[in-house]
C-alpha atoms as a PDB file:
ATOM      1  CA  UNK A   1     -12.917  10.061  16.116  1.00  0.00           C
ATOM      2  CA  UNK A   2     -13.360   6.998  18.216  1.00  0.00           C
ATOM      3  CA  UNK A   3     -11.219   4.152  17.348  1.00  0.00           C
ATOM      4  CA  UNK A   4     -11.372   0.602  18.794  1.00  0.00           C
ATOM      5  CA  UNK A   5      -9.279  -2.635  18.058  1.00  0.00           C
ATOM      6  CA  UNK A   6     -11.250  -5.323  16.223  1.00  0.00           C
ATOM      7  CA  UNK A   7     -11.230  -8.862  17.717  1.00  0.00           C
ATOM      8  CA  UNK A   8     -12.330 -10.688  14.712  1.00  0.00           C
ATOM      9  CA  UNK A   9     -10.814 -10.445  11.265  1.00  0.00           C
ATOM     10  CA  UNK A  10     -12.877  -9.940   8.158  1.00  0.00           C
ATOM     11  CA  UNK A  11      -9.910  -9.639   6.051  1.00  0.00           C
ATOM     12  CA  UNK A  12      -8.043 -12.910   5.998  1.00  0.00           C
ATOM     13  CA  UNK A  13      -4.469 -12.995   5.150  1.00  0.00           C
ATOM     14  CA  UNK A  14      -3.756  -9.259   5.904  1.00  0.00           C
ATOM     15  CA  UNK A  15      -0.540  -9.673   7.533  1.00  0.00           C
ATOM     16  CA  UNK A  16       2.114  -6.876   7.705  1.00  0.00           C
ATOM     17  CA  UNK A  17       4.283  -6.659   4.562  1.00  0.00           C
ATOM     18  CA  UNK A  18       7.237  -5.636   6.509  1.00  0.00           C
ATOM     19  CA  UNK A  19      10.053  -8.092   7.875  1.00  0.00           C
ATOM     20  CA  UNK A  20      10.624  -7.382  11.634  1.00  0.00           C
ATOM     21  CA  UNK A  21      14.433  -8.206  10.799  1.00  0.00           C
ATOM     22  CA  UNK A  22      16.265  -4.914  10.193  1.00  0.00           C
ATOM     23  CA  UNK A  23      18.861  -6.828   8.218  1.00  0.00           C
ATOM     24  CA  UNK A  24      16.442  -8.251   5.780  1.00  0.00           C
ATOM     25  CA  UNK A  25      16.072  -4.789   4.371  1.00  0.00           C
ATOM     26  CA  UNK A  26      18.580  -2.301   2.842  1.00  0.00           C
ATOM     27  CA  UNK A  27      21.598  -2.538   0.699  1.00  0.00           C
ATOM     28  CA  UNK A  28      22.901  -6.195   1.301  1.00  0.00           C
ATOM     29  CA  UNK A  29      19.418  -7.488   0.208  1.00  0.00           C
ATOM     30  CA  UNK A  30      18.421  -5.229  -2.446  1.00  0.00           C
ATOM     31  CA  UNK A  31      16.922  -6.989  -5.282  1.00  0.00           C
ATOM     32  CA  UNK A  32      15.546  -4.449  -8.099  1.00  0.00           C
ATOM     33  CA  UNK A  33      13.447  -7.252  -9.640  1.00  0.00           C
ATOM     34  CA  UNK A  34      11.452  -7.806  -6.450  1.00  0.00           C
ATOM     35  CA  UNK A  35       8.240  -5.783  -5.589  1.00  0.00           C
ATOM     36  CA  UNK A  36       7.963  -4.213  -2.160  1.00  0.00           C
ATOM     37  CA  UNK A  37       4.870  -4.211  -0.095  1.00  0.00           C
ATOM     38  CA  UNK A  38       3.348  -0.894   1.049  1.00  0.00           C
ATOM     39  CA  UNK A  39       1.833  -0.733   4.379  1.00  0.00           C
ATOM     40  CA  UNK A  40      -1.675  -0.666   4.753  1.00  0.00           C
ATOM     41  CA  UNK A  41      -4.477   0.093   7.469  1.00  0.00           C
ATOM     42  CA  UNK A  42      -7.731  -1.965   7.541  1.00  0.00           C
ATOM     43  CA  UNK A  43     -10.798  -0.320   8.855  1.00  0.00           C
ATOM     44  CA  UNK A  44     -14.414  -1.107   9.171  1.00  0.00           C
ATOM     45  CA  UNK A  45     -17.472   1.044   9.688  1.00  0.00           C
ATOM     46  CA  UNK A  46     -21.198   0.066   9.843  1.00  0.00           C
ATOM     47  CA  UNK A  47     -21.582   0.427   6.033  1.00  0.00           C
ATOM     48  CA  UNK A  48     -18.042  -0.161   4.546  1.00  0.00           C
ATOM     49  CA  UNK A  49     -14.597  -1.454   5.024  1.00  0.00           C
ATOM     50  CA  UNK A  50     -11.691   0.936   4.355  1.00  0.00           C
ATOM     51  CA  UNK A  51      -8.083   0.100   3.273  1.00  0.00           C
ATOM     52  CA  UNK A  52      -5.670   2.933   3.597  1.00  0.00           C
ATOM     53  CA  UNK A  53      -2.306   2.350   1.752  1.00  0.00           C
ATOM     54  CA  UNK A  54       0.840   4.481   2.516  1.00  0.00           C
ATOM     55  CA  UNK A  55       2.134   5.450  -0.978  1.00  0.00           C
ATOM     56  CA  UNK A  56       4.058   8.512  -0.295  1.00  0.00           C
ATOM     57  CA  UNK A  57       5.876   9.963  -3.328  1.00  0.00           C
ATOM     58  CA  UNK A  58       3.879   7.895  -5.630  1.00  0.00           C
ATOM     59  CA  UNK A  59       2.056   9.784  -8.393  1.00  0.00           C
ATOM     60  CA  UNK A  60      -1.711   8.807  -8.939  1.00  0.00           C
ATOM     61  CA  UNK A  61      -1.106   7.813 -12.473  1.00  0.00           C
ATOM     62  CA  UNK A  62       1.623   5.135 -11.171  1.00  0.00           C
ATOM     63  CA  UNK A  63      -1.167   3.333  -9.100  1.00  0.00           C
ATOM     64  CA  UNK A  64      -3.363   0.504 -10.411  1.00  0.00           C
ATOM     65  CA  UNK A  65      -6.170  -0.897  -8.395  1.00  0.00           C
ATOM     66  CA  UNK A  66      -8.022  -3.985  -9.437  1.00  0.00           C
ATOM     67  CA  UNK A  67     -10.282  -6.686  -7.956  1.00  0.00           C
ATOM     68  CA  UNK A  68      -9.903 -10.330  -9.097  1.00  0.00           C
ATOM     69  CA  UNK A  69     -12.482 -12.527  -7.336  1.00  0.00           C
ATOM     70  CA  UNK A  70     -12.124 -11.540  -3.592  1.00  0.00           C
ATOM     71  CA  UNK A  71      -8.800 -10.075  -3.960  1.00  0.00           C
ATOM     72  CA  UNK A  72      -8.025  -6.377  -3.891  1.00  0.00           C
ATOM     73  CA  UNK A  73      -4.819  -5.979  -5.906  1.00  0.00           C
ATOM     74  CA  UNK A  74      -2.807  -2.576  -5.603  1.00  0.00           C
ATOM     75  CA  UNK A  75       0.392  -2.321  -7.751  1.00  0.00           C
ATOM     76  CA  UNK A  76       2.470   0.285  -9.262  1.00  0.00           C
ATOM     77  CA  UNK A  77       5.968   1.997  -9.277  1.00  0.00           C
ATOM     78  CA  UNK A  78       7.647   4.532  -6.998  1.00  0.00           C
ATOM     79  CA  UNK A  79      10.934   6.499  -8.228  1.00  0.00           C
ATOM     80  CA  UNK A  80      13.812   6.724  -6.017  1.00  0.00           C
ATOM     81  CA  UNK A  81      13.323   9.904  -3.867  1.00  0.00           C
ATOM     82  CA  UNK A  82      15.413  12.788  -5.249  1.00  0.00           C
ATOM     83  CA  UNK A  83      16.477  16.306  -3.943  1.00  0.00           C
ATOM     84  CA  UNK A  84      15.288  18.808  -6.168  1.00  0.00           C
ATOM     85  CA  UNK A  85      18.281  20.839  -5.484  1.00  0.00           C
ATOM     86  CA  UNK A  86      20.885  18.690  -7.010  1.00  0.00           C
ATOM     87  CA  UNK A  87      21.767  18.847 -10.596  1.00  0.00           C
ATOM     88  CA  UNK A  88      21.396  15.801 -12.865  1.00  0.00           C
ATOM     89  CA  UNK A  89      25.263  15.403 -12.955  1.00  0.00           C
ATOM     90  CA  UNK A  90      26.082  15.894  -9.196  1.00  0.00           C
ATOM     91  CA  UNK A  91      27.735  13.118  -7.230  1.00  0.00           C
ATOM     92  CA  UNK A  92      26.466  12.067  -4.055  1.00  0.00           C
ATOM     93  CA  UNK A  93      27.221   9.036  -1.479  1.00  0.00           C
ATOM     94  CA  UNK A  94      24.473   7.077   0.142  1.00  0.00           C
ATOM     95  CA  UNK A  95      24.876   6.415   3.861  1.00  0.00           C
ATOM     96  CA  UNK A  96      21.418   4.866   4.294  1.00  0.00           C
ATOM     97  CA  UNK A  97      18.510   3.822   1.941  1.00  0.00           C
ATOM     98  CA  UNK A  98      15.245   2.579   3.738  1.00  0.00           C
ATOM     99  CA  UNK A  99      12.601   4.252   1.551  1.00  0.00           C
ATOM    100  CA  UNK A 100      11.473   1.437  -0.740  1.00  0.00           C
ATOM    101  CA  UNK A 101      11.340   2.245  -4.466  1.00  0.00           C
ATOM    102  CA  UNK A 102      10.481   0.587  -7.722  1.00  0.00           C
ATOM    103  CA  UNK A 103       7.714  -1.945  -8.370  1.00  0.00           C
ATOM    104  CA  UNK A 104       5.185  -2.446  -5.479  1.00  0.00           C
ATOM    105  CA  UNK A 105       2.389  -4.856  -5.055  1.00  0.00           C
ATOM    106  CA  UNK A 106       0.057  -5.504  -2.109  1.00  0.00           C
ATOM    107  CA  UNK A 107      -2.750  -8.044  -2.191  1.00  0.00           C
ATOM    108  CA  UNK A 108      -5.862  -7.646   0.448  1.00  0.00           C
ATOM    109  CA  UNK A 109      -8.410 -10.509   0.599  1.00  0.00           C
ATOM    110  CA  UNK A 110     -11.898  -9.001   0.635  1.00  0.00           C
ATOM    111  CA  UNK A 111     -14.660 -10.006   2.959  1.00  0.00           C
ATOM    112  CA  UNK A 112     -17.327 -11.845   1.348  1.00  0.00           C
ATOM    113  CA  UNK A 113     -19.946  -9.078   1.810  1.00  0.00           C
ATOM    114  CA  UNK A 114     -18.219  -6.322  -0.125  1.00  0.00           C
ATOM    115  CA  UNK A 115     -20.348  -4.922  -3.055  1.00  0.00           C
ATOM    116  CA  UNK A 116     -17.772  -4.916  -5.852  1.00  0.00           C
ATOM    117  CA  UNK A 117     -19.525  -2.711  -8.277  1.00  0.00           C
ATOM    118  CA  UNK A 118     -19.528   0.230  -5.875  1.00  0.00           C
ATOM    119  CA  UNK A 119     -15.662   0.291  -4.667  1.00  0.00           C
ATOM    120  CA  UNK A 120     -14.065   3.747  -4.789  1.00  0.00           C
ATOM    121  CA  UNK A 121     -10.566   4.919  -4.325  1.00  0.00           C
ATOM    122  CA  UNK A 122      -9.057   8.515  -3.728  1.00  0.00           C
ATOM    123  CA  UNK A 123      -5.543   9.604  -3.610  1.00  0.00           C
ATOM    124  CA  UNK A 124      -4.476  12.364  -1.122  1.00  0.00           C
ATOM    125  CA  UNK A 125      -1.511  13.347   1.045  1.00  0.00           C
ATOM    126  CA  UNK A 126       0.491  10.236  -0.023  1.00  0.00           C
ATOM    127  CA  UNK A 127      -2.414   7.976   1.165  1.00  0.00           C
ATOM    128  CA  UNK A 128      -4.526   5.612  -1.175  1.00  0.00           C
ATOM    129  CA  UNK A 129      -7.873   5.305   0.378  1.00  0.00           C
ATOM    130  CA  UNK A 130     -10.381   2.309  -1.007  1.00  0.00           C
ATOM    131  CA  UNK A 131     -13.973   2.401   0.120  1.00  0.00           C
ATOM    132  CA  UNK A 132     -15.253  -1.196   0.136  1.00  0.00           C
ATOM    133  CA  UNK A 133     -19.244  -0.772   0.538  1.00  0.00           C
ATOM    134  CA  UNK A 134     -20.833  -3.666   2.365  1.00  0.00           C
ATOM    135  CA  UNK A 135     -23.767  -5.443   0.549  1.00  0.00           C
ATOM    136  CA  UNK A 136     -27.089  -4.775   1.961  1.00  0.00           C
ATOM    137  CA  UNK A 137     -28.096  -8.461   1.672  1.00  0.00           C
END
């Protein structure tokens, strides 16, 4: 599949949700009431825009996708990852916890030429794919 890097940006305000400061994440800044932002990739074909959202470990029924005006809003919940081999009463010590969990939310401002009535989404292999067809006009 040929890939090229876009020089113009149809998605305005689509900066990365992750901080580049490694100390801004993790135990010392853990805020259970704060929503985390899943990573996204934004693509464009001749006929559609595609949004790929990294939601590994999130069940399909825990994801809500809405469009309000020109904003695509993705939100839901991811449980703390657990190892199936541990009993419910097992004690363990956490050495590092980098995988975000709890409430998540991500907004993507849509290009003006999206045909909102034909937006589709699919969830597979931990990725949410949202197809935003371009209007023919």
